[in-house]
């Protein structure tokens, strides 16, 4: 079932801490599932590409900054050039370029 809920947790050598709710995903209240997200772009940004609203595949791209206090406000970005879901996205080593395949 699609959801717009997002959570964050701290982690260290002991494992992952408790999950805490943060800013819901997306630039609209439409929940999206099966999108791919890339974290660390520019040092503190997360970008989520495509996905499925439960009835439609989308080319939406949304991004937000993040910190140890959670995820900031989501904003829409340029659309991915095609409808896409269940893809893999990653960033280059210096975190300035996202790739989706």
Protein backbone atom coordinates (compact mmCIF):
# COMPACT_ATOMS: atom_id res chain seq x y z
CA UNK A 1 0.00 0.00 0.00
CA UNK A 2 1.46 3.41 -0.96
CA UNK A 3 2.40 5.76 1.84
CA UNK A 4 3.83 9.26 2.06
CA UNK A 5 5.28 8.60 5.54
CA UNK A 6 9.04 9.00 6.01
CA UNK A 7 11.20 8.13 9.01
CA UNK A 8 14.79 8.54 10.10
CA UNK A 9 17.01 6.81 12.64
CA UNK A 10 20.54 7.25 13.87
CA UNK A 11 22.99 4.40 13.56
CA UNK A 12 26.44 3.54 14.82
CA UNK A 13 28.51 0.43 15.52
CA UNK A 14 25.78 -0.76 17.94
CA UNK A 15 23.14 -0.79 15.21
CA UNK A 16 20.13 1.28 14.18
CA UNK A 17 18.33 3.42 16.75
CA UNK A 18 14.60 4.06 17.06
CA UNK A 19 12.76 5.30 13.98
CA UNK A 20 11.19 8.78 14.20
CA UNK A 21 8.54 10.21 11.85
CA UNK A 22 9.63 13.22 9.78
CA UNK A 23 8.30 15.30 6.86
CA UNK A 24 5.99 13.18 4.63
CA UNK A 25 7.31 12.44 1.13
CA UNK A 26 6.45 14.31 -2.02
CA UNK A 27 5.29 17.66 -3.25
CA UNK A 28 1.67 16.58 -3.01
CA UNK A 29 -0.24 14.45 -0.53
CA UNK A 30 -0.36 11.56 -3.03
CA UNK A 31 1.42 8.58 -1.49
CA UNK A 32 4.04 6.99 -3.76
CA UNK A 33 5.51 3.50 -3.58
CA UNK A 34 8.35 1.79 -5.41
CA UNK A 35 10.32 4.96 -6.06
CA UNK A 36 14.08 5.05 -5.75
CA UNK A 37 15.82 7.57 -3.52
CA UNK A 38 19.42 8.75 -3.55
CA UNK A 39 20.80 10.31 -0.38
CA UNK A 40 23.93 12.34 0.13
CA UNK A 41 23.70 14.48 -3.00
CA UNK A 42 25.49 17.74 -2.32
CA UNK A 43 26.27 16.43 1.16
CA UNK A 44 22.79 16.74 2.66
CA UNK A 45 20.11 16.20 0.02
CA UNK A 46 17.84 13.30 -0.82
CA UNK A 47 16.28 12.90 -4.27
CA UNK A 48 13.42 10.45 -4.99
CA UNK A 49 12.61 9.45 -8.57
CA UNK A 50 9.47 7.95 -10.11
CA UNK A 51 7.31 5.38 -8.39
CA UNK A 52 3.69 4.33 -8.35
CA UNK A 53 0.74 6.15 -6.80
CA UNK A 54 -1.20 2.89 -6.51
CA UNK A 55 -2.98 3.50 -9.82
CA UNK A 56 -0.37 5.24 -12.00
CA UNK A 57 3.36 5.06 -12.65
CA UNK A 58 4.93 8.51 -12.35
CA UNK A 59 7.96 10.43 -13.57
CA UNK A 60 7.87 12.76 -10.55
CA UNK A 61 11.15 13.80 -8.95
CA UNK A 62 11.14 15.28 -5.45
CA UNK A 63 14.02 16.42 -3.26
CA UNK A 64 14.66 17.64 0.26
CA UNK A 65 17.57 18.42 2.54
CA UNK A 66 18.20 16.29 5.59
CA UNK A 67 20.05 16.49 8.87
CA UNK A 68 20.25 14.64 12.16
CA UNK A 69 16.85 16.18 12.95
CA UNK A 70 15.06 14.60 9.99
CA UNK A 71 14.04 15.54 6.46
CA UNK A 72 13.17 19.12 5.49
CA UNK A 73 10.34 20.23 3.20
CA UNK A 74 9.99 18.30 -0.06
CA UNK A 75 10.00 20.18 -3.37
CA UNK A 76 9.23 19.07 -6.91
CA UNK A 77 12.05 19.06 -9.45
CA UNK A 78 12.37 18.47 -13.19
CA UNK A 79 10.45 15.35 -14.22
CA UNK A 80 12.33 12.17 -15.09
CA UNK A 81 12.20 11.76 -18.91
CA UNK A 82 9.94 8.70 -18.75
CA UNK A 83 7.47 7.01 -16.40
CA UNK A 84 9.51 4.78 -14.08
CA UNK A 85 9.15 2.54 -11.02
CA UNK A 86 11.21 -0.12 -9.24
CA UNK A 87 14.44 1.31 -10.66
CA UNK A 88 17.77 1.67 -8.92
CA UNK A 89 19.28 5.10 -8.41
CA UNK A 90 22.70 5.96 -7.04
CA UNK A 91 25.05 8.93 -6.70
CA UNK A 92 28.61 9.27 -7.90
CA UNK A 93 31.41 9.20 -5.31
CA UNK A 94 31.40 12.95 -4.72
CA UNK A 95 27.60 13.11 -4.51
CA UNK A 96 26.89 15.65 -7.25
CA UNK A 97 25.27 13.45 -9.90
CA UNK A 98 22.39 10.98 -9.64
CA UNK A 99 22.04 8.01 -11.99
CA UNK A 100 18.91 5.86 -12.42
CA UNK A 101 18.78 2.59 -14.35
